[in-house]
Each structure stands twice: as C-alpha cells, then as structure tokens.
Amino acid sequence: MSGETIALEYPVKHQGHEYGQLAMRRPRVGDMLAADKQSGSDVEREIAMFSCLCEVPPEVVREMDMKDYRKLQEAYTGFLS
C-alpha cells in the first residue's frame, strides 16, 4: 500500500526525537472507524487519524506548525479523491 512522505518546514521534537518528515500511509476503512470512536471534536479525531496513518504519537501532530499540518490535510484529502 503506497503512501506519501510529507517534509516538515518546521520539524517537531518529541521525547528526544526530531521529526523532519512524516510518512503517511493510505487510509483504510478501519482507520476511519477507529478515529470515529475517539471522543472529542472533529479536530481531535482528525489528529488521531493522522497520528495513526503516520505512526507517530498524537503529541507530534499536536505540536506541528499549522503550515505543516495543512500538508497532512492535503495528503489525506488526496488519498480520498
């Protein structure tokens, strides 16, 4: 299953590791179901989805610059179109 690598303009540091890029895999129906079961807002569920697809802790996604987060959103949307 192919995916997309997203280069971060503003790397994120979390627990001693610096994330300069994230590899997002293509989403599956099960990913959508798991994210839908998360409590919280739509944004919190989206963060849970991106965390799962990129295989990083949710804190990494939460700490991202909004410009880089937008790249994740665009990659995700691209998988669905």
PDB file of N, CA and C in Angstrom:
ATOM      1  N   MET A   1       0.853  -1.173   0.000  1.00  0.00           N
ATOM      2  CA  MET A   1       0.000   0.000   0.000  1.00  0.00           C
ATOM      3  C   MET A   1       0.897   1.233   0.000  1.00  0.00           C
ATOM      4  N   SER A   2       0.724   2.103  -0.978  1.00  0.00           N
ATOM      5  CA  SER A   2       1.582   3.277  -1.085  1.00  0.00           C
ATOM      6  C   SER A   2       1.092   4.394  -0.182  1.00  0.00           C
ATOM      7  N   GLY A   3       1.938   5.354  -0.023  1.00  0.00           N
ATOM      8  CA  GLY A   3       1.604   6.494   0.809  1.00  0.00           C
ATOM      9  C   GLY A   3       2.301   7.727   0.296  1.00  0.00           C
ATOM     10  N   GLU A   4       2.496   8.670   1.174  1.00  0.00           N
ATOM     11  CA  GLU A   4       3.143   9.925   0.799  1.00  0.00           C
ATOM     12  C   GLU A   4       4.042  10.385   1.935  1.00  0.00           C
ATOM     13  N   THR A   5       5.206  10.914   1.587  1.00  0.00           N
ATOM     14  CA  THR A   5       6.117  11.475   2.573  1.00  0.00           C
ATOM     15  C   THR A   5       5.937  12.987   2.582  1.00  0.00           C
ATOM     16  N   ILE A   6       5.721  13.526   3.760  1.00  0.00           N
ATOM     17  CA  ILE A   6       5.489  14.955   3.923  1.00  0.00           C
ATOM     18  C   ILE A   6       6.695  15.557   4.639  1.00  0.00           C
ATOM     19  N   ALA A   7       7.405  16.445   3.942  1.00  0.00           N
ATOM     20  CA  ALA A   7       8.546  17.141   4.543  1.00  0.00           C
ATOM     21  C   ALA A   7       8.011  18.292   5.394  1.00  0.00           C
ATOM     22  N   LEU A   8       8.490  18.376   6.615  1.00  0.00           N
ATOM     23  CA  LEU A   8       8.049  19.435   7.531  1.00  0.00           C
ATOM     24  C   LEU A   8       8.991  20.630   7.436  1.00  0.00           C
ATOM     25  N   GLU A   9       8.442  21.794   7.208  1.00  0.00           N
ATOM     26  CA  GLU A   9       9.250  23.007   7.186  1.00  0.00           C
ATOM     27  C   GLU A   9       9.724  23.366   8.588  1.00  0.00           C
ATOM     28  N   TYR A  10       8.915  22.956   9.566  1.00  0.00           N
ATOM     29  CA  TYR A  10       9.218  23.248  10.964  1.00  0.00           C
ATOM     30  C   TYR A  10       9.222  21.935  11.741  1.00  0.00           C
ATOM     31  N   PRO A  11      10.386  21.275  11.809  1.00  0.00           N
ATOM     32  CA  PRO A  11      10.458  19.967  12.480  1.00  0.00           C
ATOM     33  C   PRO A  11       9.935  20.022  13.915  1.00  0.00           C
ATOM     34  N   VAL A  12       9.424  18.885  14.341  1.00  0.00           N
ATOM     35  CA  VAL A  12       8.858  18.743  15.679  1.00  0.00           C
ATOM     36  C   VAL A  12       9.776  17.863  16.512  1.00  0.00           C
ATOM     37  N   LYS A  13      10.068  18.302  17.726  1.00  0.00           N
ATOM     38  CA  LYS A  13      10.855  17.490  18.656  1.00  0.00           C
ATOM     39  C   LYS A  13       9.909  16.906  19.691  1.00  0.00           C
ATOM     40  N   HIS A  14      10.031  15.592  19.901  1.00  0.00           N
ATOM     41  CA  HIS A  14       9.190  14.907  20.877  1.00  0.00           C
ATOM     42  C   HIS A  14       9.969  13.746  21.462  1.00  0.00           C
ATOM     43  N   GLN A  15      10.110  13.741  22.779  1.00  0.00           N
ATOM     44  CA  GLN A  15      10.795  12.687  23.521  1.00  0.00           C
ATOM     45  C   GLN A  15      12.161  12.337  22.917  1.00  0.00           C
ATOM     46  N   GLY A  16      12.935  13.376  22.642  1.00  0.00           N
ATOM     47  CA  GLY A  16      14.296  13.186  22.167  1.00  0.00           C
ATOM     48  C   GLY A  16      14.435  12.855  20.692  1.00  0.00           C
ATOM     49  N   HIS A  17      13.355  12.820  19.965  1.00  0.00           N
ATOM     50  CA  HIS A  17      13.407  12.519  18.533  1.00  0.00           C
ATOM     51  C   HIS A  17      12.915  13.736  17.757  1.00  0.00           C
ATOM     52  N   GLU A  18      13.628  14.070  16.687  1.00  0.00           N
ATOM     53  CA  GLU A  18      13.194  15.180  15.840  1.00  0.00           C
ATOM     54  C   GLU A  18      12.545  14.618  14.579  1.00  0.00           C
ATOM     55  N   TYR A  19      11.342  15.063  14.321  1.00  0.00           N
ATOM     56  CA  TYR A  19      10.581  14.634  13.149  1.00  0.00           C
ATOM     57  C   TYR A  19      10.681  15.721  12.085  1.00  0.00           C
ATOM     58  N   GLY A  20      11.445  15.441  11.030  1.00  0.00           N
ATOM     59  CA  GLY A  20      11.605  16.384   9.934  1.00  0.00           C
ATOM     60  C   GLY A  20      10.731  16.037   8.748  1.00  0.00           C
ATOM     61  N   GLN A  21      10.203  14.837   8.781  1.00  0.00           N
ATOM     62  CA  GLN A  21       9.262  14.395   7.752  1.00  0.00           C
ATOM     63  C   GLN A  21       8.390  13.302   8.336  1.00  0.00           C
ATOM     64  N   LEU A  22       7.215  13.158   7.775  1.00  0.00           N
ATOM     65  CA  LEU A  22       6.295  12.113   8.203  1.00  0.00           C
ATOM     66  C   LEU A  22       5.872  11.310   6.985  1.00  0.00           C
ATOM     67  N   ALA A  23       5.808  10.016   7.139  1.00  0.00           N
ATOM     68  CA  ALA A  23       5.335   9.139   6.072  1.00  0.00           C
ATOM     69  C   ALA A  23       3.890   8.767   6.382  1.00  0.00           C
ATOM     70  N   MET A  24       2.984   9.218   5.538  1.00  0.00           N
ATOM     71  CA  MET A  24       1.564   8.927   5.739  1.00  0.00           C
ATOM     72  C   MET A  24       1.149   7.804   4.791  1.00  0.00           C
ATOM     73  N   ARG A  25       0.606   6.751   5.370  1.00  0.00           N
ATOM     74  CA  ARG A  25       0.118   5.649   4.535  1.00  0.00           C
ATOM     75  C   ARG A  25      -1.323   5.937   4.115  1.00  0.00           C
ATOM     76  N   ARG A  26      -1.768   5.221   3.088  1.00  0.00           N
ATOM     77  CA  ARG A  26      -3.144   5.378   2.623  1.00  0.00           C
ATOM     78  C   ARG A  26      -4.110   4.902   3.712  1.00  0.00           C
ATOM     79  N   PRO A  27      -5.201   5.626   3.925  1.00  0.00           N
ATOM     80  CA  PRO A  27      -6.158   5.223   4.958  1.00  0.00           C
ATOM     81  C   PRO A  27      -7.017   4.044   4.528  1.00  0.00           C
ATOM     82  N   ARG A  28      -7.436   3.280   5.523  1.00  0.00           N
ATOM     83  CA  ARG A  28      -8.353   2.158   5.314  1.00  0.00           C
ATOM     84  C   ARG A  28      -9.649   2.457   6.070  1.00  0.00           C
ATOM     85  N   VAL A  29     -10.677   1.723   5.760  1.00  0.00           N
ATOM     86  CA  VAL A  29     -11.973   1.909   6.415  1.00  0.00           C
ATOM     87  C   VAL A  29     -11.824   1.729   7.928  1.00  0.00           C
ATOM     88  N   GLY A  30     -11.034   0.763   8.340  1.00  0.00           N
ATOM     89  CA  GLY A  30     -10.818   0.527   9.769  1.00  0.00           C
ATOM     90  C   GLY A  30     -10.216   1.728  10.477  1.00  0.00           C
ATOM     91  N   ASP A  31      -9.366   2.475   9.784  1.00  0.00           N
ATOM     92  CA  ASP A  31      -8.792   3.694  10.368  1.00  0.00           C
ATOM     93  C   ASP A  31      -9.884   4.724  10.626  1.00  0.00           C
ATOM     94  N   MET A  32     -10.792   4.859   9.671  1.00  0.00           N
ATOM     95  CA  MET A  32     -11.895   5.805   9.823  1.00  0.00           C
ATOM     96  C   MET A  32     -12.785   5.398  10.998  1.00  0.00           C
ATOM     97  N   LEU A  33     -13.068   4.106  11.115  1.00  0.00           N
ATOM     98  CA  LEU A  33     -13.907   3.625  12.211  1.00  0.00           C
ATOM     99  C   LEU A  33     -13.240   3.870  13.561  1.00  0.00           C
ATOM    100  N   ALA A  34     -11.943   3.611  13.643  1.00  0.00           N
ATOM    101  CA  ALA A  34     -11.220   3.821  14.902  1.00  0.00           C
ATOM    102  C   ALA A  34     -11.211   5.300  15.284  1.00  0.00           C
ATOM    103  N   ALA A  35     -10.978   6.179  14.321  1.00  0.00           N
ATOM    104  CA  ALA A  35     -10.965   7.616  14.600  1.00  0.00           C
ATOM    105  C   ALA A  35     -12.350   8.094  15.007  1.00  0.00           C
ATOM    106  N   ASP A  36     -13.378   7.531  14.389  1.00  0.00           N
ATOM    107  CA  ASP A  36     -14.748   7.929  14.695  1.00  0.00           C
ATOM    108  C   ASP A  36     -15.137   7.570  16.127  1.00  0.00           C
ATOM    109  N   LYS A  37     -14.527   6.531  16.677  1.00  0.00           N
ATOM    110  CA  LYS A  37     -14.822   6.109  18.052  1.00  0.00           C
ATOM    111  C   LYS A  37     -14.151   6.998  19.089  1.00  0.00           C
ATOM    112  N   GLN A  38     -13.189   7.831  18.651  1.00  0.00           N
ATOM    113  CA  GLN A  38     -12.498   8.734  19.563  1.00  0.00           C
ATOM    114  C   GLN A  38     -13.485   9.781  20.063  1.00  0.00           C
ATOM    115  N   SER A  39     -13.348  10.136  21.315  1.00  0.00           N
ATOM    116  CA  SER A  39     -14.182  11.215  21.837  1.00  0.00           C
ATOM    117  C   SER A  39     -13.513  12.543  21.500  1.00  0.00           C
ATOM    118  N   GLY A  40     -14.286  13.591  21.556  1.00  0.00           N
ATOM    119  CA  GLY A  40     -13.732  14.917  21.314  1.00  0.00           C
ATOM    120  C   GLY A  40     -14.249  15.530  20.034  1.00  0.00           C
ATOM    121  N   SER A  41     -13.608  16.610  19.660  1.00  0.00           N
ATOM    122  CA  SER A  41     -14.029  17.391  18.496  1.00  0.00           C
ATOM    123  C   SER A  41     -13.600  16.724  17.190  1.00  0.00           C
ATOM    124  N   ASP A  42     -14.066  17.273  16.097  1.00  0.00           N
ATOM    125  CA  ASP A  42     -13.654  16.783  14.779  1.00  0.00           C
ATOM    126  C   ASP A  42     -12.143  16.907  14.609  1.00  0.00           C
ATOM    127  N   VAL A  43     -11.577  17.996  15.114  1.00  0.00           N
ATOM    128  CA  VAL A  43     -10.132  18.198  15.001  1.00  0.00           C
ATOM    129  C   VAL A  43      -9.384  17.130  15.790  1.00  0.00           C
ATOM    130  N   GLU A  44      -9.861  16.803  16.975  1.00  0.00           N
ATOM    131  CA  GLU A  44      -9.208  15.764  17.790  1.00  0.00           C
ATOM    132  C   GLU A  44      -9.278  14.407  17.097  1.00  0.00           C
ATOM    133  N   ARG A  45     -10.379  14.122  16.449  1.00  0.00           N
ATOM    134  CA  ARG A  45     -10.494  12.862  15.704  1.00  0.00           C
ATOM    135  C   ARG A  45      -9.574  12.868  14.487  1.00  0.00           C
ATOM    136  N   GLU A  46      -9.441  14.024  13.846  1.00  0.00           N
ATOM    137  CA  GLU A  46      -8.531  14.140  12.702  1.00  0.00           C
ATOM    138  C   GLU A  46      -7.085  13.936  13.151  1.00  0.00           C
ATOM    139  N   ILE A  47      -6.716  14.508  14.270  1.00  0.00           N
ATOM    140  CA  ILE A  47      -5.370  14.324  14.818  1.00  0.00           C
ATOM    141  C   ILE A  47      -5.132  12.851  15.108  1.00  0.00           C
ATOM    142  N   ALA A  48      -6.115  12.167  15.681  1.00  0.00           N
ATOM    143  CA  ALA A  48      -5.986  10.732  15.949  1.00  0.00           C
ATOM    144  C   ALA A  48      -5.780   9.949  14.652  1.00  0.00           C
ATOM    145  N   MET A  49      -6.516  10.326  13.617  1.00  0.00           N
ATOM    146  CA  MET A  49      -6.378   9.671  12.311  1.00  0.00           C
ATOM    147  C   MET A  49      -4.980   9.892  11.743  1.00  0.00           C
ATOM    148  N   PHE A  50      -4.520  11.140  11.726  1.00  0.00           N
ATOM    149  CA  PHE A  50      -3.205  11.441  11.167  1.00  0.00           C
ATOM    150  C   PHE A  50      -2.096  10.767  11.969  1.00  0.00           C
ATOM    151  N   SER A  51      -2.253  10.731  13.278  1.00  0.00           N
ATOM    152  CA  SER A  51      -1.278  10.059  14.134  1.00  0.00           C
ATOM    153  C   SER A  51      -1.163   8.583  13.762  1.00  0.00           C
ATOM    154  N   CYS A  52      -2.297   7.953  13.567  1.00  0.00           N
ATOM    155  CA  CYS A  52      -2.334   6.539  13.185  1.00  0.00           C
ATOM    156  C   CYS A  52      -1.704   6.329  11.802  1.00  0.00           C
ATOM    157  N   LEU A  53      -2.093   7.150  10.840  1.00  0.00           N
ATOM    158  CA  LEU A  53      -1.606   6.985   9.468  1.00  0.00           C
ATOM    159  C   LEU A  53      -0.117   7.269   9.334  1.00  0.00           C
ATOM    160  N   CYS A  54       0.399   8.153  10.183  1.00  0.00           N
ATOM    161  CA  CYS A  54       1.827   8.495  10.145  1.00  0.00           C
ATOM    162  C   CYS A  54       2.643   7.691  11.160  1.00  0.00           C
ATOM    163  N   GLU A  55       1.957   6.906  11.987  1.00  0.00           N
ATOM    164  CA  GLU A  55       2.590   6.077  13.012  1.00  0.00           C
ATOM    165  C   GLU A  55       3.494   6.892  13.939  1.00  0.00           C
ATOM    166  N   VAL A  56       2.919   7.987  14.447  1.00  0.00           N
ATOM    167  CA  VAL A  56       3.604   8.836  15.429  1.00  0.00           C
ATOM    168  C   VAL A  56       2.633   9.102  16.572  1.00  0.00           C
ATOM    169  N   PRO A  57       3.144   9.439  17.754  1.00  0.00           N
ATOM    170  CA  PRO A  57       2.243   9.781  18.854  1.00  0.00           C
ATOM    171  C   PRO A  57       1.407  11.021  18.505  1.00  0.00           C
ATOM    172  N   PRO A  58       0.179  11.102  18.996  1.00  0.00           N
ATOM    173  CA  PRO A  58      -0.665  12.273  18.723  1.00  0.00           C
ATOM    174  C   PRO A  58       0.005  13.593  19.104  1.00  0.00           C
ATOM    175  N   GLU A  59       0.867  13.563  20.109  1.00  0.00           N
ATOM    176  CA  GLU A  59       1.554  14.787  20.543  1.00  0.00           C
ATOM    177  C   GLU A  59       2.403  15.373  19.421  1.00  0.00           C
ATOM    178  N   VAL A  60       2.953  14.533  18.568  1.00  0.00           N
ATOM    179  CA  VAL A  60       3.756  15.028  17.446  1.00  0.00           C
ATOM    180  C   VAL A  60       2.879  15.851  16.512  1.00  0.00           C
ATOM    181  N   VAL A  61       1.713  15.345  16.209  1.00  0.00           N
ATOM    182  CA  VAL A  61       0.799  16.068  15.320  1.00  0.00           C
ATOM    183  C   VAL A  61       0.331  17.355  15.994  1.00  0.00           C
ATOM    184  N   ARG A  62       0.044  17.301  17.295  1.00  0.00           N
ATOM    185  CA  ARG A  62      -0.421  18.494  18.013  1.00  0.00           C
ATOM    186  C   ARG A  62       0.620  19.602  18.038  1.00  0.00           C
ATOM    187  N   GLU A  63       1.888  19.231  18.032  1.00  0.00           N
ATOM    188  CA  GLU A  63       2.971  20.216  18.107  1.00  0.00           C
ATOM    189  C   GLU A  63       3.369  20.775  16.742  1.00  0.00           C
ATOM    190  N   MET A  64       2.762  20.289  15.669  1.00  0.00           N
ATOM    191  CA  MET A  64       3.141  20.733  14.332  1.00  0.00           C
ATOM    192  C   MET A  64       2.730  22.180  14.081  1.00  0.00           C
ATOM    193  N   ASP A  65       3.532  22.865  13.281  1.00  0.00           N
ATOM    194  CA  ASP A  65       3.168  24.180  12.776  1.00  0.00           C
ATOM    195  C   ASP A  65       1.946  24.013  11.872  1.00  0.00           C
ATOM    196  N   MET A  66       1.061  24.981  11.863  1.00  0.00           N
ATOM    197  CA  MET A  66      -0.166  24.875  11.071  1.00  0.00           C
ATOM    198  C   MET A  66       0.111  24.735   9.575  1.00  0.00           C
ATOM    199  N   LYS A  67       1.188  25.323   9.095  1.00  0.00           N
ATOM    200  CA  LYS A  67       1.535  25.183   7.678  1.00  0.00           C
ATOM    201  C   LYS A  67       1.845  23.727   7.351  1.00  0.00           C
ATOM    202  N   ASP A  68       2.556  23.052   8.237  1.00  0.00           N
ATOM    203  CA  ASP A  68       2.869  21.632   8.034  1.00  0.00           C
ATOM    204  C   ASP A  68       1.634  20.763   8.244  1.00  0.00           C
ATOM    205  N   TYR A  69       0.801  21.134   9.207  1.00  0.00           N
ATOM    206  CA  TYR A  69      -0.434  20.382   9.442  1.00  0.00           C
ATOM    207  C   TYR A  69      -1.317  20.422   8.206  1.00  0.00           C
ATOM    208  N   ARG A  70      -1.336  21.559   7.552  1.00  0.00           N
ATOM    209  CA  ARG A  70      -2.127  21.702   6.323  1.00  0.00           C
ATOM    210  C   ARG A  70      -1.635  20.726   5.252  1.00  0.00           C
ATOM    211  N   LYS A  71      -0.336  20.476   5.218  1.00  0.00           N
ATOM    212  CA  LYS A  71       0.215  19.500   4.270  1.00  0.00           C
ATOM    213  C   LYS A  71      -0.332  18.098   4.562  1.00  0.00           C
ATOM    214  N   LEU A  72      -0.473  17.769   5.852  1.00  0.00           N
ATOM    215  CA  LEU A  72      -1.066  16.476   6.206  1.00  0.00           C
ATOM    216  C   LEU A  72      -2.506  16.406   5.718  1.00  0.00           C
ATOM    217  N   GLN A  73      -3.246  17.490   5.941  1.00  0.00           N
ATOM    218  CA  GLN A  73      -4.638  17.516   5.489  1.00  0.00           C
ATOM    219  C   GLN A  73      -4.728  17.343   3.970  1.00  0.00           C
ATOM    220  N   GLU A  74      -3.854  18.001   3.245  1.00  0.00           N
ATOM    221  CA  GLU A  74      -3.871  17.900   1.779  1.00  0.00           C
ATOM    222  C   GLU A  74      -3.508  16.494   1.313  1.00  0.00           C
ATOM    223  N   ALA A  75      -2.526  15.864   1.969  1.00  0.00           N
ATOM    224  CA  ALA A  75      -2.150  14.496   1.602  1.00  0.00           C
ATOM    225  C   ALA A  75      -3.323  13.555   1.852  1.00  0.00           C
ATOM    226  N   TYR A  76      -3.964  13.708   3.004  1.00  0.00           N
ATOM    227  CA  TYR A  76      -5.108  12.868   3.346  1.00  0.00           C
ATOM    228  C   TYR A  76      -6.237  13.039   2.328  1.00  0.00           C
ATOM    229  N   THR A  77      -6.553  14.282   2.026  1.00  0.00           N
ATOM    230  CA  THR A  77      -7.605  14.571   1.045  1.00  0.00           C
ATOM    231  C   THR A  77      -7.247  13.986  -0.320  1.00  0.00           C
ATOM    232  N   GLY A  78      -5.991  14.045  -0.670  1.00  0.00           N
ATOM    233  CA  GLY A  78      -5.538  13.484  -1.934  1.00  0.00           C
ATOM    234  C   GLY A  78      -5.765  11.983  -2.021  1.00  0.00           C
ATOM    235  N   PHE A  79      -5.633  11.287  -0.908  1.00  0.00           N
ATOM    236  CA  PHE A  79      -5.895   9.845  -0.894  1.00  0.00           C
ATOM    237  C   PHE A  79      -7.365   9.544  -1.182  1.00  0.00           C
ATOM    238  N   LEU A  80      -8.229  10.455  -0.804  1.00  0.00           N
ATOM    239  CA  LEU A  80      -9.666  10.209  -0.918  1.00  0.00           C
ATOM    240  C   LEU A  80     -10.248  10.619  -2.268  1.00  0.00           C
ATOM    241  N   SER A  81      -9.469  11.359  -3.057  1.00  0.00           N
ATOM    242  CA  SER A  81     -10.001  11.809  -4.346  1.00  0.00           C
ATOM    243  C   SER A  81      -9.508  10.968  -5.513  1.00  0.00           C
TER     244      SER A  81
END
